[in-house]
Amino acid sequence: MFGDDLNEALLAELPSDKGREARKRVCGILPDAFNEAGKLLRIAGWMVGPDRAKEVSPFKFGSDAVVGLATIAQVAGELCRGMTALLEVGNLYSAAALLRQIVEAEYIAWAFAEDKDEAANWLRSSRDERSRFWQPRYIRRRSAGRFRWEDYSRHCEIGGHPTPDSRQLLPDHQNVPVDFLWLDLTYHGVSTWRYIEKAGSDLGYKELTANTAVGQQLQLAMSDWYECDRLSQVKRQFREEGRQ
């Protein structure tokens, strides 16, 4: 799932892995946090905002930006819930396929966090516009190095498409520890949550993300994860050094 050097560094940490339960705790809360935020934002975006009165919303929403953010939050929630369920039963290949979609949701959430108006643009976009502007490669270019092709390519090669390399996730072939997939789910899920949290705050709805009961529960779980998960610390160190 990662580069060879990072894989070796993570494997060296596995025998004394103390972050396993912290990762699973975060992954267990993320779906509810995303879906609760998405539900509340969708209601707010339908009811409140100038777009309906100005007749700029094709859907007659009060705020297309808020509903756009709600949509990607709920997409992320469903993907995280599905991947968690697949990991629990040992279906690593299908879990990795959902992981690539989580990465794509992360990209879109980042764009919304960078410019809150982008959420409305995305919601109103046609299929042709999404092909020209919202595909992962275009968002990576806009991110100025935050998202790297090498990272996304690995997700595509191992779990995103049927390839010979995917055998390392299949029954009787597995050489990718399931802990690595839990780590990636936590890493990308938390990153997506942070972007949605930022975009929600920029749109004036921080109370519907970070300040909900499940949002606060997630914050406590994330704090514990940051503190105790050595695998995550190794992964962050590699990224900061540009080795991932």
Protein backbone atom coordinates (compact mmCIF):
# COMPACT_ATOMS: atom_id res chain seq x y z
CA MET A 1 0.00 0.00 0.00
CA PHE A 2 2.95 2.31 0.54
CA GLY A 3 6.45 2.74 -0.90
CA ASP A 4 9.01 0.04 -0.11
CA ASP A 5 10.93 2.11 2.45
CA LEU A 6 7.76 3.11 4.30
CA ASN A 7 6.47 -0.47 4.20
CA GLU A 8 9.68 -1.66 5.85
CA ALA A 9 9.51 1.06 8.50
CA LEU A 10 5.90 0.20 9.31
CA LEU A 11 6.60 -3.53 9.42
CA ALA A 12 9.36 -2.88 11.93
CA GLU A 13 6.82 -1.18 14.21
CA LEU A 14 4.09 -3.83 13.94
CA PRO A 15 5.35 -6.21 16.69
CA SER A 16 4.91 -3.43 19.28
CA ASP A 17 1.92 -1.73 17.66
CA LYS A 18 0.01 0.10 20.40
CA GLY A 19 -2.17 2.16 18.11
CA ARG A 20 -4.38 -0.61 16.72
CA GLU A 21 -7.32 0.01 19.04
CA ALA A 22 -7.00 3.79 18.67
CA ARG A 23 -7.21 3.47 14.88
CA LYS A 24 -10.26 1.23 15.06
CA ARG A 25 -11.93 3.58 17.53
CA VAL A 26 -11.50 6.53 15.14
CA CYS A 27 -12.72 4.45 12.20
CA GLY A 28 -15.76 3.39 14.19
CA ILE A 29 -16.77 6.99 14.90
CA LEU A 30 -15.94 8.57 11.52
CA PRO A 31 -19.01 7.24 9.63
CA ASP A 32 -21.43 8.61 12.22
CA ALA A 33 -19.58 11.94 12.39
CA PHE A 34 -19.65 12.36 8.61
CA ASN A 35 -23.28 11.32 8.30
CA GLU A 36 -24.47 13.48 11.21
CA ALA A 37 -22.66 16.51 9.82
CA GLY A 38 -24.00 15.77 6.34
CA LYS A 39 -27.58 15.41 7.54
CA LEU A 40 -27.50 18.66 9.51
CA LEU A 41 -25.74 20.59 6.73
CA ARG A 42 -28.22 19.30 4.16
CA ILE A 43 -31.17 20.56 6.22
CA ALA A 44 -29.46 23.91 6.82
CA GLY A 45 -28.53 24.29 3.15
CA TRP A 46 -32.04 23.51 2.03
CA MET A 47 -33.60 26.02 4.40
CA VAL A 48 -31.13 28.90 4.76
CA GLY A 49 -29.22 31.02 2.25
CA PRO A 50 -29.68 33.45 -0.64
CA ASP A 51 -29.49 31.07 -3.60
CA ARG A 52 -33.21 30.28 -3.83
CA ALA A 53 -34.25 33.93 -3.62
CA LYS A 54 -31.61 34.93 -6.19
CA GLU A 55 -32.73 32.05 -8.44
CA VAL A 56 -29.17 30.80 -8.84
CA SER A 57 -29.77 27.31 -7.44
CA PRO A 58 -30.96 24.79 -10.05
CA PHE A 59 -32.28 22.73 -7.12
CA LYS A 60 -34.03 25.60 -5.28
CA PHE A 61 -31.78 25.20 -2.25
CA GLY A 62 -31.07 28.06 0.12
CA SER A 63 -27.33 27.42 -0.25
CA ASP A 64 -25.90 25.11 -2.88
CA ALA A 65 -22.48 25.39 -1.20
CA VAL A 66 -23.80 24.01 2.09
CA VAL A 67 -25.70 21.18 0.37
CA GLY A 68 -22.60 20.40 -1.72
CA LEU A 69 -20.54 20.08 1.45
CA ALA A 70 -23.29 17.96 3.02
CA THR A 71 -23.19 15.63 0.03
CA ILE A 72 -19.46 14.96 0.15
CA ALA A 73 -19.66 14.50 3.93
CA GLN A 74 -22.31 11.81 3.55
CA VAL A 75 -20.41 10.18 0.69
CA ALA A 76 -17.33 9.99 2.92
CA GLY A 77 -19.43 8.55 5.74
CA GLU A 78 -20.86 5.77 3.60
CA LEU A 79 -17.44 4.91 2.18
CA CYS A 80 -15.85 4.77 5.65
CA ARG A 81 -18.68 2.60 6.98
CA GLY A 82 -18.38 0.23 4.04
CA MET A 83 -14.61 -0.05 4.27
CA THR A 84 -14.74 -0.67 8.01
CA ALA A 85 -17.24 -3.48 7.53
CA LEU A 86 -15.09 -5.07 4.82
CA LEU A 87 -11.95 -4.91 6.94
CA GLU A 88 -13.77 -6.51 9.86
CA VAL A 89 -14.52 -9.60 7.72
CA GLY A 90 -11.09 -9.67 6.07
CA ASN A 91 -12.12 -8.58 2.56
CA LEU A 92 -8.98 -6.54 1.92
CA TYR A 93 -9.28 -6.12 -1.83
CA SER A 94 -12.80 -4.65 -1.72
CA ALA A 95 -11.76 -2.49 1.22
CA ALA A 96 -8.86 -1.10 -0.81
CA ALA A 97 -11.22 -0.31 -3.69
CA LEU A 98 -13.31 1.84 -1.34
CA LEU A 99 -10.16 3.42 0.04
CA ARG A 100 -9.35 4.91 -3.36
CA GLN A 101 -12.82 6.50 -3.40
CA ILE A 102 -12.20 7.90 0.09
CA VAL A 103 -9.02 9.51 -1.25
CA GLU A 104 -11.05 11.10 -4.04
CA ALA A 105 -13.59 12.39 -1.52
CA GLU A 106 -10.65 13.81 0.44
CA TYR A 107 -9.49 15.70 -2.66
CA ILE A 108 -12.92 17.26 -3.15
CA ALA A 109 -13.26 18.15 0.52
CA TRP A 110 -9.86 19.87 0.33
CA ALA A 111 -11.06 21.98 -2.60
CA PHE A 112 -14.11 23.05 -0.57
CA ALA A 113 -11.88 23.93 2.41
CA GLU A 114 -9.65 26.05 0.17
CA ASP A 115 -12.58 27.99 -1.30
CA LYS A 116 -16.09 27.57 0.09
CA ASP A 117 -17.64 28.67 -3.22
CA GLU A 118 -16.24 25.55 -4.83
CA ALA A 119 -18.83 23.43 -3.02
CA ALA A 120 -21.60 25.20 -4.94
CA ASN A 121 -19.65 24.95 -8.20
CA TRP A 122 -19.22 21.21 -7.69
CA LEU A 123 -22.89 20.63 -6.86
CA ARG A 124 -24.00 22.52 -9.98
CA SER A 125 -21.39 20.99 -12.28
CA SER A 126 -22.29 18.96 -15.34
CA ARG A 127 -20.64 15.65 -16.16
CA ASP A 128 -18.50 17.41 -18.76
CA GLU A 129 -17.42 20.07 -16.25
CA ARG A 130 -16.49 17.40 -13.70
CA SER A 131 -14.41 15.64 -16.37
CA ARG A 132 -12.56 18.88 -17.14
CA PHE A 133 -12.15 20.28 -13.64
CA TRP A 134 -12.94 17.82 -10.86
CA GLN A 135 -11.06 14.69 -11.84
CA PRO A 136 -8.34 13.72 -9.30
CA ARG A 137 -5.47 14.77 -11.56
CA TYR A 138 -6.82 18.32 -11.84
CA ILE A 139 -7.29 18.67 -8.10
CA ARG A 140 -3.74 17.38 -7.54
CA ARG A 141 -2.41 20.13 -9.81
CA ARG A 142 -4.36 22.73 -7.87
CA SER A 143 -3.07 21.35 -4.57
CA ALA A 144 0.52 22.42 -5.38
CA GLY A 145 2.08 19.21 -4.07
CA ARG A 146 -0.23 18.46 -1.13
CA PHE A 147 -1.58 15.44 -3.02
CA ARG A 148 1.00 13.42 -4.94
CA TRP A 149 0.48 11.28 -8.01
CA GLU A 150 2.61 8.48 -6.54
CA ASP A 151 0.26 8.09 -3.56
CA TYR A 152 -2.89 8.04 -5.68
CA SER A 153 -1.29 5.73 -8.24
CA ARG A 154 -0.57 3.13 -5.56
CA HIS A 155 -4.21 3.17 -4.50
CA CYS A 156 -5.27 2.67 -8.13
CA GLU A 157 -2.75 -0.08 -8.83
CA ILE A 158 -3.39 -2.20 -5.73
CA GLY A 159 -7.06 -1.68 -4.99
CA GLY A 160 -8.59 0.68 -7.52
CA HIS A 161 -8.32 -1.48 -10.64
CA PRO A 162 -7.95 -5.23 -11.22
CA THR A 163 -4.19 -5.62 -11.70
CA PRO A 164 -1.62 -8.36 -11.06
CA ASP A 165 -0.43 -6.39 -8.02
CA SER A 166 -3.86 -6.77 -6.45
CA ARG A 167 -3.05 -10.39 -5.59
CA GLN A 168 -1.30 -9.18 -2.44
CA LEU A 169 -4.74 -8.34 -1.06
CA LEU A 170 -6.46 -11.59 -2.07
CA PRO A 171 -7.16 -14.65 0.12
CA ASP A 172 -4.20 -17.06 0.22
CA HIS A 173 -1.98 -14.38 -1.37
CA GLN A 174 -2.10 -11.64 1.25
CA ASN A 175 1.19 -9.98 2.12
CA VAL A 176 -0.26 -6.57 3.04
CA PRO A 177 -1.03 -6.56 6.78
CA VAL A 178 -4.61 -5.55 7.50
CA ASP A 179 -3.19 -2.99 9.96
CA PHE A 180 -1.86 -1.01 7.00
CA LEU A 181 -5.37 -0.64 5.57
CA TRP A 182 -6.77 0.41 8.96
CA LEU A 183 -3.96 2.98 9.11
CA ASP A 184 -4.75 4.34 5.66
CA LEU A 185 -8.47 4.50 6.41
CA THR A 186 -7.78 6.44 9.60
CA TYR A 187 -5.26 8.72 7.92
CA HIS A 188 -7.41 9.64 4.91
CA GLY A 189 -10.68 9.61 6.87
CA VAL A 190 -9.36 12.06 9.46
CA SER A 191 -7.87 14.26 6.74
CA THR A 192 -11.23 14.37 4.94
CA TRP A 193 -12.98 15.21 8.21
CA ARG A 194 -10.59 18.09 8.87
CA TYR A 195 -11.28 19.57 5.44
CA ILE A 196 -15.05 19.25 5.90
CA GLU A 197 -14.73 20.79 9.35
CA LYS A 198 -12.82 23.74 7.88
CA ALA A 199 -15.26 24.23 5.01
CA GLY A 200 -18.23 24.02 7.39
CA SER A 201 -16.67 26.65 9.63
CA ASP A 202 -16.01 28.93 6.64
CA LEU A 203 -19.67 28.59 5.63
CA GLY A 204 -20.76 29.55 9.14
CA TYR A 205 -21.71 26.07 10.36
CA LYS A 206 -18.95 24.98 12.70
CA GLU A 207 -21.59 23.91 15.21
CA LEU A 208 -22.85 21.30 12.74
CA THR A 209 -19.47 19.59 12.42
CA ALA A 210 -16.97 19.95 15.25
CA ASN A 211 -19.47 20.98 17.92
CA THR A 212 -21.94 18.10 17.64
CA ALA A 213 -21.79 15.34 20.26
CA VAL A 214 -20.37 12.85 17.78
CA GLY A 215 -17.94 15.48 16.48
CA GLN A 216 -16.59 16.02 19.98
CA GLN A 217 -16.40 12.26 20.49
CA LEU A 218 -14.38 12.00 17.31
CA GLN A 219 -12.05 14.79 18.44
CA LEU A 220 -11.23 12.87 21.63
CA ALA A 221 -10.61 9.67 19.66
CA MET A 222 -8.36 11.52 17.19
CA SER A 223 -6.35 13.09 20.00
CA ASP A 224 -5.73 9.65 21.48
CA TRP A 225 -4.76 8.32 18.06
CA TYR A 226 -2.29 11.16 17.42
CA GLU A 227 -0.63 10.49 20.76
CA CYS A 228 -0.29 6.72 20.79
CA ASP A 229 -0.16 5.46 17.19
CA ARG A 230 3.46 4.93 16.25
CA LEU A 231 2.51 3.72 12.75
CA SER A 232 0.82 7.02 12.04
CA GLN A 233 3.82 8.92 13.39
CA VAL A 234 6.15 7.01 11.07
CA LYS A 235 3.86 7.68 8.09
CA ARG A 236 3.72 11.42 8.86
CA GLN A 237 7.48 11.55 9.27
CA PHE A 238 8.01 10.00 5.83
CA ARG A 239 5.57 12.45 4.26
CA GLU A 240 7.21 15.46 5.90
CA GLU A 241 10.60 14.27 4.66
CA GLY A 242 9.24 13.77 1.15
CA ARG A 243 10.05 10.06 1.16
CA GLN A 244 6.49 8.80 0.66
